[in-house]
Amino acid sequence: MAKLKIKLVKSVSGRKPNHVATVKSLGLRKINQIVEHEKTPDIEGKVKLVSYLLEVEEV
């Protein structure tokens, strides 16, 4: 299965609480932090919700 490389590029301060929780659930805490996840429908949905805060690359 494909992997996604997800990078947090914008701050979560002042965002909606559910968006902040979604970013945390992806394992992102700091700006410019990168995490890798398997490409699953669950992860794709989370990425879509907060896509304006992220940079996503398929590996």
PDB file of N, CA and C in Angstrom:
ATOM      1  N   MET A   1       0.842  -1.194   0.000  1.00  0.00           N
ATOM      2  CA  MET A   1       0.000   0.000   0.000  1.00  0.00           C
ATOM      3  C   MET A   1       0.884   1.255   0.000  1.00  0.00           C
ATOM      4  N   ALA A   2       0.395   2.298  -0.589  1.00  0.00           N
ATOM      5  CA  ALA A   2       1.155   3.552  -0.693  1.00  0.00           C
ATOM      6  C   ALA A   2       1.249   4.240   0.670  1.00  0.00           C
ATOM      7  N   LYS A   3       2.262   5.066   0.788  1.00  0.00           N
ATOM      8  CA  LYS A   3       2.445   5.855   2.011  1.00  0.00           C
ATOM      9  C   LYS A   3       2.270   7.328   1.686  1.00  0.00           C
ATOM     10  N   LEU A   4       1.873   8.080   2.688  1.00  0.00           N
ATOM     11  CA  LEU A   4       1.758   9.525   2.564  1.00  0.00           C
ATOM     12  C   LEU A   4       2.765  10.181   3.494  1.00  0.00           C
ATOM     13  N   LYS A   5       3.486  11.155   2.973  1.00  0.00           N
ATOM     14  CA  LYS A   5       4.396  11.963   3.788  1.00  0.00           C
ATOM     15  C   LYS A   5       3.655  13.265   4.048  1.00  0.00           C
ATOM     16  N   ILE A   6       3.349  13.538   5.321  1.00  0.00           N
ATOM     17  CA  ILE A   6       2.511  14.676   5.697  1.00  0.00           C
ATOM     18  C   ILE A   6       3.348  15.653   6.514  1.00  0.00           C
ATOM     19  N   LYS A   7       3.336  16.925   6.095  1.00  0.00           N
ATOM     20  CA  LYS A   7       4.118  17.962   6.768  1.00  0.00           C
ATOM     21  C   LYS A   7       3.178  19.080   7.211  1.00  0.00           C
ATOM     22  N   LEU A   8       3.314  19.497   8.470  1.00  0.00           N
ATOM     23  CA  LEU A   8       2.526  20.612   8.995  1.00  0.00           C
ATOM     24  C   LEU A   8       3.222  21.915   8.601  1.00  0.00           C
ATOM     25  N   VAL A   9       2.553  22.756   7.800  1.00  0.00           N
ATOM     26  CA  VAL A   9       3.189  23.981   7.305  1.00  0.00           C
ATOM     27  C   VAL A   9       2.588  25.256   7.881  1.00  0.00           C
ATOM     28  N   LYS A  10       1.432  25.148   8.540  1.00  0.00           N
ATOM     29  CA  LYS A  10       0.817  26.320   9.168  1.00  0.00           C
ATOM     30  C   LYS A  10       0.461  25.995  10.615  1.00  0.00           C
ATOM     31  N   SER A  11       0.424  27.019  11.444  1.00  0.00           N
ATOM     32  CA  SER A  11       0.131  26.854  12.855  1.00  0.00           C
ATOM     33  C   SER A  11      -1.321  26.446  13.087  1.00  0.00           C
ATOM     34  N   VAL A  12      -1.544  25.689  14.166  1.00  0.00           N
ATOM     35  CA  VAL A  12      -2.909  25.287  14.523  1.00  0.00           C
ATOM     36  C   VAL A  12      -3.534  26.233  15.535  1.00  0.00           C
ATOM     37  N   SER A  13      -2.767  27.204  16.028  1.00  0.00           N
ATOM     38  CA  SER A  13      -3.332  28.114  17.033  1.00  0.00           C
ATOM     39  C   SER A  13      -4.437  28.965  16.411  1.00  0.00           C
ATOM     40  N   GLY A  14      -5.543  29.056  17.109  1.00  0.00           N
ATOM     41  CA  GLY A  14      -6.679  29.831  16.642  1.00  0.00           C
ATOM     42  C   GLY A  14      -7.586  29.081  15.678  1.00  0.00           C
ATOM     43  N   ARG A  15      -7.293  27.820  15.414  1.00  0.00           N
ATOM     44  CA  ARG A  15      -8.136  27.017  14.511  1.00  0.00           C
ATOM     45  C   ARG A  15      -9.266  26.372  15.303  1.00  0.00           C
ATOM     46  N   LYS A  16     -10.236  25.798  14.574  1.00  0.00           N
ATOM     47  CA  LYS A  16     -11.345  25.105  15.218  1.00  0.00           C
ATOM     48  C   LYS A  16     -10.818  23.938  16.043  1.00  0.00           C
ATOM     49  N   PRO A  17     -11.414  23.703  17.212  1.00  0.00           N
ATOM     50  CA  PRO A  17     -10.926  22.624  18.083  1.00  0.00           C
ATOM     51  C   PRO A  17     -10.868  21.250  17.405  1.00  0.00           C
ATOM     52  N   ASN A  18     -11.842  20.951  16.547  1.00  0.00           N
ATOM     53  CA  ASN A  18     -11.802  19.644  15.884  1.00  0.00           C
ATOM     54  C   ASN A  18     -10.680  19.568  14.851  1.00  0.00           C
ATOM     55  N   HIS A  19     -10.284  20.697  14.260  1.00  0.00           N
ATOM     56  CA  HIS A  19      -9.163  20.717  13.326  1.00  0.00           C
ATOM     57  C   HIS A  19      -7.853  20.515  14.080  1.00  0.00           C
ATOM     58  N   VAL A  20      -7.722  21.145  15.248  1.00  0.00           N
ATOM     59  CA  VAL A  20      -6.530  20.972  16.084  1.00  0.00           C
ATOM     60  C   VAL A  20      -6.415  19.508  16.494  1.00  0.00           C
ATOM     61  N   ALA A  21      -7.518  18.897  16.905  1.00  0.00           N
ATOM     62  CA  ALA A  21      -7.520  17.494  17.322  1.00  0.00           C
ATOM     63  C   ALA A  21      -7.158  16.571  16.165  1.00  0.00           C
ATOM     64  N   THR A  22      -7.613  16.905  14.971  1.00  0.00           N
ATOM     65  CA  THR A  22      -7.299  16.099  13.791  1.00  0.00           C
ATOM     66  C   THR A  22      -5.805  16.135  13.488  1.00  0.00           C
ATOM     67  N   VAL A  23      -5.208  17.323  13.565  1.00  0.00           N
ATOM     68  CA  VAL A  23      -3.765  17.459  13.333  1.00  0.00           C
ATOM     69  C   VAL A  23      -2.996  16.647  14.372  1.00  0.00           C
ATOM     70  N   LYS A  24      -3.421  16.720  15.640  1.00  0.00           N
ATOM     71  CA  LYS A  24      -2.752  15.950  16.694  1.00  0.00           C
ATOM     72  C   LYS A  24      -2.907  14.454  16.466  1.00  0.00           C
ATOM     73  N   SER A  25      -4.084  14.038  15.981  1.00  0.00           N
ATOM     74  CA  SER A  25      -4.314  12.613  15.747  1.00  0.00           C
ATOM     75  C   SER A  25      -3.447  12.073  14.605  1.00  0.00           C
ATOM     76  N   LEU A  26      -2.997  12.970  13.724  1.00  0.00           N
ATOM     77  CA  LEU A  26      -2.069  12.572  12.665  1.00  0.00           C
ATOM     78  C   LEU A  26      -0.636  12.464  13.197  1.00  0.00           C
ATOM     79  N   GLY A  27      -0.424  12.905  14.434  1.00  0.00           N
ATOM     80  CA  GLY A  27       0.894  12.817  15.047  1.00  0.00           C
ATOM     81  C   GLY A  27       1.741  14.052  14.835  1.00  0.00           C
ATOM     82  N   LEU A  28       1.122  15.151  14.437  1.00  0.00           N
ATOM     83  CA  LEU A  28       1.853  16.393  14.176  1.00  0.00           C
ATOM     84  C   LEU A  28       1.713  17.344  15.357  1.00  0.00           C
ATOM     85  N   ARG A  29       2.847  17.880  15.823  1.00  0.00           N
ATOM     86  CA  ARG A  29       2.817  18.802  16.946  1.00  0.00           C
ATOM     87  C   ARG A  29       3.465  20.133  16.625  1.00  0.00           C
ATOM     88  N   LYS A  30       4.507  20.136  15.786  1.00  0.00           N
ATOM     89  CA  LYS A  30       5.245  21.360  15.500  1.00  0.00           C
ATOM     90  C   LYS A  30       5.204  21.669  14.011  1.00  0.00           C
ATOM     91  N   ILE A  31       5.345  22.941  13.674  1.00  0.00           N
ATOM     92  CA  ILE A  31       5.428  23.349  12.279  1.00  0.00           C
ATOM     93  C   ILE A  31       6.683  22.729  11.675  1.00  0.00           C
ATOM     94  N   ASN A  32       6.573  22.303  10.430  1.00  0.00           N
ATOM     95  CA  ASN A  32       7.638  21.642   9.656  1.00  0.00           C
ATOM     96  C   ASN A  32       7.928  20.213  10.109  1.00  0.00           C
ATOM     97  N   GLN A  33       7.137  19.681  11.027  1.00  0.00           N
ATOM     98  CA  GLN A  33       7.288  18.284  11.417  1.00  0.00           C
ATOM     99  C   GLN A  33       6.698  17.414  10.310  1.00  0.00           C
ATOM    100  N   ILE A  34       7.346  16.293  10.032  1.00  0.00           N
ATOM    101  CA  ILE A  34       6.898  15.375   8.978  1.00  0.00           C
ATOM    102  C   ILE A  34       6.600  14.015   9.594  1.00  0.00           C
ATOM    103  N   VAL A  35       5.472  13.435   9.198  1.00  0.00           N
ATOM    104  CA  VAL A  35       5.125  12.072   9.608  1.00  0.00           C
ATOM    105  C   VAL A  35       4.748  11.280   8.360  1.00  0.00           C
ATOM    106  N   GLU A  36       4.869   9.957   8.447  1.00  0.00           N
ATOM    107  CA  GLU A  36       4.454   9.085   7.349  1.00  0.00           C
ATOM    108  C   GLU A  36       3.343   8.171   7.837  1.00  0.00           C
ATOM    109  N   HIS A  37       2.327   8.019   7.003  1.00  0.00           N
ATOM    110  CA  HIS A  37       1.203   7.136   7.314  1.00  0.00           C
ATOM    111  C   HIS A  37       0.872   6.317   6.076  1.00  0.00           C
ATOM    112  N   GLU A  38       0.300   5.140   6.307  1.00  0.00           N
ATOM    113  CA  GLU A  38      -0.238   4.353   5.203  1.00  0.00           C
ATOM    114  C   GLU A  38      -1.421   5.115   4.608  1.00  0.00           C
ATOM    115  N   LYS A  39      -1.610   4.980   3.313  1.00  0.00           N
ATOM    116  CA  LYS A  39      -2.719   5.667   2.643  1.00  0.00           C
ATOM    117  C   LYS A  39      -3.998   4.843   2.835  1.00  0.00           C
ATOM    118  N   THR A  40      -4.764   5.206   3.853  1.00  0.00           N
ATOM    119  CA  THR A  40      -6.030   4.535   4.147  1.00  0.00           C
ATOM    120  C   THR A  40      -7.152   5.563   4.038  1.00  0.00           C
ATOM    121  N   PRO A  41      -8.383   5.113   3.879  1.00  0.00           N
ATOM    122  CA  PRO A  41      -9.505   6.071   3.822  1.00  0.00           C
ATOM    123  C   PRO A  41      -9.585   6.962   5.057  1.00  0.00           C
ATOM    124  N   ASP A  42      -9.256   6.408   6.226  1.00  0.00           N
ATOM    125  CA  ASP A  42      -9.283   7.164   7.473  1.00  0.00           C
ATOM    126  C   ASP A  42      -8.285   8.327   7.425  1.00  0.00           C
ATOM    127  N   ILE A  43      -7.057   8.031   7.047  1.00  0.00           N
ATOM    128  CA  ILE A  43      -6.009   9.049   6.984  1.00  0.00           C
ATOM    129  C   ILE A  43      -6.328  10.069   5.887  1.00  0.00           C
ATOM    130  N   GLU A  44      -6.812   9.599   4.742  1.00  0.00           N
ATOM    131  CA  GLU A  44      -7.165  10.515   3.649  1.00  0.00           C
ATOM    132  C   GLU A  44      -8.246  11.499   4.078  1.00  0.00           C
ATOM    133  N   GLY A  45      -9.223  11.038   4.856  1.00  0.00           N
ATOM    134  CA  GLY A  45     -10.289  11.907   5.347  1.00  0.00           C
ATOM    135  C   GLY A  45      -9.756  12.975   6.289  1.00  0.00           C
ATOM    136  N   LYS A  46      -8.849  12.574   7.186  1.00  0.00           N
ATOM    137  CA  LYS A  46      -8.250  13.530   8.115  1.00  0.00           C
ATOM    138  C   LYS A  46      -7.442  14.582   7.359  1.00  0.00           C
ATOM    139  N   VAL A  47      -6.660  14.119   6.373  1.00  0.00           N
ATOM    140  CA  VAL A  47      -5.830  15.036   5.579  1.00  0.00           C
ATOM    141  C   VAL A  47      -6.715  16.017   4.817  1.00  0.00           C
ATOM    142  N   LYS A  48      -7.821  15.529   4.275  1.00  0.00           N
ATOM    143  CA  LYS A  48      -8.730  16.392   3.512  1.00  0.00           C
ATOM    144  C   LYS A  48      -9.336  17.485   4.392  1.00  0.00           C
ATOM    145  N   LEU A  49      -9.671  17.134   5.641  1.00  0.00           N
ATOM    146  CA  LEU A  49     -10.280  18.082   6.568  1.00  0.00           C
ATOM    147  C   LEU A  49      -9.354  19.254   6.874  1.00  0.00           C
ATOM    148  N   VAL A  50      -8.072  18.985   7.077  1.00  0.00           N
ATOM    149  CA  VAL A  50      -7.126  20.039   7.463  1.00  0.00           C
ATOM    150  C   VAL A  50      -6.075  20.279   6.371  1.00  0.00           C
ATOM    151  N   SER A  51      -6.440  20.061   5.119  1.00  0.00           N
ATOM    152  CA  SER A  51      -5.495  20.179   4.005  1.00  0.00           C
ATOM    153  C   SER A  51      -4.894  21.575   3.884  1.00  0.00           C
ATOM    154  N   TYR A  52      -5.608  22.594   4.361  1.00  0.00           N
ATOM    155  CA  TYR A  52      -5.102  23.968   4.284  1.00  0.00           C
ATOM    156  C   TYR A  52      -3.938  24.216   5.250  1.00  0.00           C
ATOM    157  N   LEU A  53      -3.674  23.282   6.152  1.00  0.00           N
ATOM    158  CA  LEU A  53      -2.560  23.401   7.099  1.00  0.00           C
ATOM    159  C   LEU A  53      -1.379  22.507   6.719  1.00  0.00           C
ATOM    160  N   LEU A  54      -1.574  21.638   5.726  1.00  0.00           N
ATOM    161  CA  LEU A  54      -0.603  20.580   5.452  1.00  0.00           C
ATOM    162  C   LEU A  54      -0.018  20.640   4.047  1.00  0.00           C
ATOM    163  N   GLU A  55       1.120  19.957   3.908  1.00  0.00           N
ATOM    164  CA  GLU A  55       1.690  19.617   2.603  1.00  0.00           C
ATOM    165  C   GLU A  55       1.732  18.099   2.566  1.00  0.00           C
ATOM    166  N   VAL A  56       1.186  17.509   1.507  1.00  0.00           N
ATOM    167  CA  VAL A  56       1.110  16.056   1.443  1.00  0.00           C
ATOM    168  C   VAL A  56       1.815  15.571   0.179  1.00  0.00           C
ATOM    169  N   GLU A  57       2.605  14.500   0.348  1.00  0.00           N
ATOM    170  CA  GLU A  57       3.340  13.924  -0.768  1.00  0.00           C
ATOM    171  C   GLU A  57       3.168  12.419  -0.703  1.00  0.00           C
ATOM    172  N   GLU A  58       2.873  11.807  -1.847  1.00  0.00           N
ATOM    173  CA  GLU A  58       2.735  10.349  -1.888  1.00  0.00           C
ATOM    174  C   GLU A  58       4.110   9.743  -2.115  1.00  0.00           C
ATOM    175  N   VAL A  59       4.466   8.768  -1.287  1.00  0.00           N
ATOM    176  CA  VAL A  59       5.800   8.150  -1.373  1.00  0.00           C
ATOM    177  C   VAL A  59       5.689   6.790  -2.020  1.00  0.00           C
TER     178      VAL A  59
END
